[in-house]
Amino acid sequence: MSDASLFLHIALSLSFVGLVGLGIGRALDAWVRLAPTGADDEGALAD
């Protein structure tokens, strides 16, 4: 495998990982925004 091919593969892999990270970040942001508010939620951790 030549150096150019190796660097291209690494660059594309990092780009893919970056795009996946953005997608996960957006999904988590939307999930948090849609979460119900209030301290008396049944799913909330309590002492």
PDB file of N, CA and C in Angstrom:
ATOM      1  N   MET A   1       0.860  -1.176   0.000  1.00  0.00           N
ATOM      2  CA  MET A   1       0.000   0.000   0.000  1.00  0.00           C
ATOM      3  C   MET A   1       0.904   1.235   0.000  1.00  0.00           C
ATOM      4  N   SER A   2       0.677   2.102  -0.944  1.00  0.00           N
ATOM      5  CA  SER A   2       1.530   3.290  -1.036  1.00  0.00           C
ATOM      6  C   SER A   2       1.168   4.293   0.049  1.00  0.00           C
ATOM      7  N   ASP A   3       2.072   5.235   0.276  1.00  0.00           N
ATOM      8  CA  ASP A   3       1.837   6.246   1.307  1.00  0.00           C
ATOM      9  C   ASP A   3       0.606   7.086   1.005  1.00  0.00           C
ATOM     10  N   ALA A   4       0.412   7.465  -0.254  1.00  0.00           N
ATOM     11  CA  ALA A   4      -0.743   8.291  -0.624  1.00  0.00           C
ATOM     12  C   ALA A   4      -2.044   7.547  -0.351  1.00  0.00           C
ATOM     13  N   SER A   5      -2.074   6.278  -0.686  1.00  0.00           N
ATOM     14  CA  SER A   5      -3.270   5.472  -0.448  1.00  0.00           C
ATOM     15  C   SER A   5      -3.538   5.329   1.050  1.00  0.00           C
ATOM     16  N   LEU A   6      -2.489   5.146   1.810  1.00  0.00           N
ATOM     17  CA  LEU A   6      -2.636   5.019   3.256  1.00  0.00           C
ATOM     18  C   LEU A   6      -3.166   6.312   3.869  1.00  0.00           C
ATOM     19  N   PHE A   7      -2.595   7.447   3.470  1.00  0.00           N
ATOM     20  CA  PHE A   7      -3.049   8.731   4.001  1.00  0.00           C
ATOM     21  C   PHE A   7      -4.484   9.027   3.588  1.00  0.00           C
ATOM     22  N   LEU A   8      -4.859   8.660   2.363  1.00  0.00           N
ATOM     23  CA  LEU A   8      -6.236   8.856   1.911  1.00  0.00           C
ATOM     24  C   LEU A   8      -7.189   8.007   2.743  1.00  0.00           C
ATOM     25  N   HIS A   9      -6.804   6.775   3.005  1.00  0.00           N
ATOM     26  CA  HIS A   9      -7.638   5.891   3.821  1.00  0.00           C
ATOM     27  C   HIS A   9      -7.806   6.456   5.236  1.00  0.00           C
ATOM     28  N   ILE A  10      -6.731   6.933   5.829  1.00  0.00           N
ATOM     29  CA  ILE A  10      -6.797   7.514   7.176  1.00  0.00           C
ATOM     30  C   ILE A  10      -7.669   8.764   7.173  1.00  0.00           C
ATOM     31  N   ALA A  11      -7.514   9.621   6.169  1.00  0.00           N
ATOM     32  CA  ALA A  11      -8.309  10.850   6.091  1.00  0.00           C
ATOM     33  C   ALA A  11      -9.792  10.537   5.943  1.00  0.00           C
ATOM     34  N   LEU A  12     -10.126   9.581   5.101  1.00  0.00           N
ATOM     35  CA  LEU A  12     -11.532   9.215   4.922  1.00  0.00           C
ATOM     36  C   LEU A  12     -12.102   8.566   6.180  1.00  0.00           C
ATOM     37  N   SER A  13     -11.306   7.774   6.854  1.00  0.00           N
ATOM     38  CA  SER A  13     -11.763   7.148   8.096  1.00  0.00           C
ATOM     39  C   SER A  13     -12.036   8.195   9.170  1.00  0.00           C
ATOM     40  N   LEU A  14     -11.137   9.167   9.300  1.00  0.00           N
ATOM     41  CA  LEU A  14     -11.339  10.226  10.286  1.00  0.00           C
ATOM     42  C   LEU A  14     -12.545  11.086   9.938  1.00  0.00           C
ATOM     43  N   SER A  15     -12.762  11.338   8.658  1.00  0.00           N
ATOM     44  CA  SER A  15     -13.940  12.101   8.234  1.00  0.00           C
ATOM     45  C   SER A  15     -15.216  11.350   8.582  1.00  0.00           C
ATOM     46  N   PHE A  16     -15.215  10.048   8.341  1.00  0.00           N
ATOM     47  CA  PHE A  16     -16.385   9.233   8.660  1.00  0.00           C
ATOM     48  C   PHE A  16     -16.669   9.251  10.155  1.00  0.00           C
ATOM     49  N   VAL A  17     -15.639   9.082  10.961  1.00  0.00           N
ATOM     50  CA  VAL A  17     -15.807   9.102  12.417  1.00  0.00           C
ATOM     51  C   VAL A  17     -16.316  10.468  12.874  1.00  0.00           C
ATOM     52  N   GLY A  18     -15.818  11.538  12.270  1.00  0.00           N
ATOM     53  CA  GLY A  18     -16.285  12.873  12.611  1.00  0.00           C
ATOM     54  C   GLY A  18     -17.751  13.068  12.283  1.00  0.00           C
ATOM     55  N   LEU A  19     -18.178  12.586  11.122  1.00  0.00           N
ATOM     56  CA  LEU A  19     -19.588  12.716  10.745  1.00  0.00           C
ATOM     57  C   LEU A  19     -20.488  11.883  11.652  1.00  0.00           C
ATOM     58  N   VAL A  20     -20.039  10.704  12.010  1.00  0.00           N
ATOM     59  CA  VAL A  20     -20.812   9.873  12.940  1.00  0.00           C
ATOM     60  C   VAL A  20     -20.930  10.575  14.290  1.00  0.00           C
ATOM     61  N   GLY A  21     -19.843  11.186  14.745  1.00  0.00           N
ATOM     62  CA  GLY A  21     -19.876  11.920  16.008  1.00  0.00           C
ATOM     63  C   GLY A  21     -20.852  13.077  15.969  1.00  0.00           C
ATOM     64  N   LEU A  22     -20.897  13.798  14.849  1.00  0.00           N
ATOM     65  CA  LEU A  22     -21.865  14.889  14.718  1.00  0.00           C
ATOM     66  C   LEU A  22     -23.293  14.360  14.753  1.00  0.00           C
ATOM     67  N   GLY A  23     -23.528  13.251  14.089  1.00  0.00           N
ATOM     68  CA  GLY A  23     -24.865  12.657  14.088  1.00  0.00           C
ATOM     69  C   GLY A  23     -25.297  12.222  15.475  1.00  0.00           C
ATOM     70  N   ILE A  24     -24.393  11.604  16.209  1.00  0.00           N
ATOM     71  CA  ILE A  24     -24.707  11.185  17.577  1.00  0.00           C
ATOM     72  C   ILE A  24     -24.951  12.405  18.453  1.00  0.00           C
ATOM     73  N   GLY A  25     -24.145  13.444  18.281  1.00  0.00           N
ATOM     74  CA  GLY A  25     -24.333  14.668  19.058  1.00  0.00           C
ATOM     75  C   GLY A  25     -25.680  15.307  18.797  1.00  0.00           C
ATOM     76  N   ARG A  26     -26.080  15.355  17.535  1.00  0.00           N
ATOM     77  CA  ARG A  26     -27.389  15.934  17.204  1.00  0.00           C
ATOM     78  C   ARG A  26     -28.522  15.082  17.760  1.00  0.00           C
ATOM     79  N   ALA A  27     -28.386  13.769  17.688  1.00  0.00           N
ATOM     80  CA  ALA A  27     -29.424  12.885  18.213  1.00  0.00           C
ATOM     81  C   ALA A  27     -29.559  13.043  19.725  1.00  0.00           C
ATOM     82  N   LEU A  28     -28.441  13.120  20.428  1.00  0.00           N
ATOM     83  CA  LEU A  28     -28.497  13.310  21.878  1.00  0.00           C
ATOM     84  C   LEU A  28     -29.070  14.675  22.235  1.00  0.00           C
ATOM     85  N   ASP A  29     -28.725  15.697  21.470  1.00  0.00           N
ATOM     86  CA  ASP A  29     -29.258  17.031  21.714  1.00  0.00           C
ATOM     87  C   ASP A  29     -30.775  17.035  21.549  1.00  0.00           C
ATOM     88  N   ALA A  30     -31.272  16.404  20.487  1.00  0.00           N
ATOM     89  CA  ALA A  30     -32.717  16.338  20.269  1.00  0.00           C
ATOM     90  C   ALA A  30     -33.391  15.535  21.376  1.00  0.00           C
ATOM     91  N   TRP A  31     -32.763  14.466  21.820  1.00  0.00           N
ATOM     92  CA  TRP A  31     -33.339  13.627  22.868  1.00  0.00           C
ATOM     93  C   TRP A  31     -33.448  14.402  24.179  1.00  0.00           C
ATOM     94  N   VAL A  32     -32.412  15.165  24.513  1.00  0.00           N
ATOM     95  CA  VAL A  32     -32.429  15.946  25.751  1.00  0.00           C
ATOM     96  C   VAL A  32     -33.477  17.049  25.663  1.00  0.00           C
ATOM     97  N   ARG A  33     -33.610  17.680  24.504  1.00  0.00           N
ATOM     98  CA  ARG A  33     -34.604  18.745  24.348  1.00  0.00           C
ATOM     99  C   ARG A  33     -36.018  18.220  24.470  1.00  0.00           C
ATOM    100  N   LEU A  34     -36.257  16.978  24.066  1.00  0.00           N
ATOM    101  CA  LEU A  34     -37.594  16.395  24.127  1.00  0.00           C
ATOM    102  C   LEU A  34     -37.894  15.746  25.473  1.00  0.00           C
ATOM    103  N   ALA A  35     -36.895  15.640  26.323  1.00  0.00           N
ATOM    104  CA  ALA A  35     -37.092  14.992  27.623  1.00  0.00           C
ATOM    105  C   ALA A  35     -38.028  15.834  28.486  1.00  0.00           C
ATOM    106  N   PRO A  36     -38.886  15.188  29.254  1.00  0.00           N
ATOM    107  CA  PRO A  36     -39.775  15.947  30.137  1.00  0.00           C
ATOM    108  C   PRO A  36     -38.984  16.654  31.235  1.00  0.00           C
ATOM    109  N   THR A  37     -39.475  17.793  31.641  1.00  0.00           N
ATOM    110  CA  THR A  37     -38.810  18.547  32.699  1.00  0.00           C
ATOM    111  C   THR A  37     -39.526  18.321  34.017  1.00  0.00           C
ATOM    112  N   GLY A  38     -38.839  18.575  35.112  1.00  0.00           N
ATOM    113  CA  GLY A  38     -39.438  18.408  36.430  1.00  0.00           C
ATOM    114  C   GLY A  38     -38.613  17.466  37.278  1.00  0.00           C
ATOM    115  N   ALA A  39     -38.607  17.721  38.567  1.00  0.00           N
ATOM    116  CA  ALA A  39     -37.799  16.927  39.487  1.00  0.00           C
ATOM    117  C   ALA A  39     -38.524  15.671  39.953  1.00  0.00           C
ATOM    118  N   ASP A  40     -39.821  15.561  39.705  1.00  0.00           N
ATOM    119  CA  ASP A  40     -40.576  14.413  40.204  1.00  0.00           C
ATOM    120  C   ASP A  40     -40.810  13.350  39.124  1.00  0.00           C
ATOM    121  N   ASP A  41     -39.926  13.278  38.152  1.00  0.00           N
ATOM    122  CA  ASP A  41     -40.034  12.251  37.118  1.00  0.00           C
ATOM    123  C   ASP A  41     -39.786  10.880  37.735  1.00  0.00           C
ATOM    124  N   GLU A  42     -40.513   9.880  37.233  1.00  0.00           N
ATOM    125  CA  GLU A  42     -40.325   8.530  37.757  1.00  0.00           C
ATOM    126  C   GLU A  42     -38.954   7.975  37.405  1.00  0.00           C
ATOM    127  N   GLY A  43     -38.378   8.412  36.287  1.00  0.00           N
ATOM    128  CA  GLY A  43     -37.093   7.901  35.862  1.00  0.00           C
ATOM    129  C   GLY A  43     -35.919   8.615  36.499  1.00  0.00           C
ATOM    130  N   ALA A  44     -36.172   9.686  37.231  1.00  0.00           N
ATOM    131  CA  ALA A  44     -35.081  10.459  37.823  1.00  0.00           C
ATOM    132  C   ALA A  44     -34.497   9.722  39.022  1.00  0.00           C
ATOM    133  N   LEU A  45     -33.213   9.866  39.213  1.00  0.00           N
ATOM    134  CA  LEU A  45     -32.558   9.267  40.372  1.00  0.00           C
ATOM    135  C   LEU A  45     -32.858  10.107  41.607  1.00  0.00           C
ATOM    136  N   ALA A  46     -33.207   9.454  42.676  1.00  0.00           N
ATOM    137  CA  ALA A  46     -33.523  10.161  43.919  1.00  0.00           C
ATOM    138  C   ALA A  46     -32.826   9.464  45.080  1.00  0.00           C
ATOM    139  N   ASP A  47     -32.577  10.215  46.111  1.00  0.00           N
ATOM    140  CA  ASP A  47     -31.940   9.645  47.316  1.00  0.00           C
ATOM    141  C   ASP A  47     -32.921   8.810  48.103  1.00  0.00           C
TER     142      ASP A  47
END
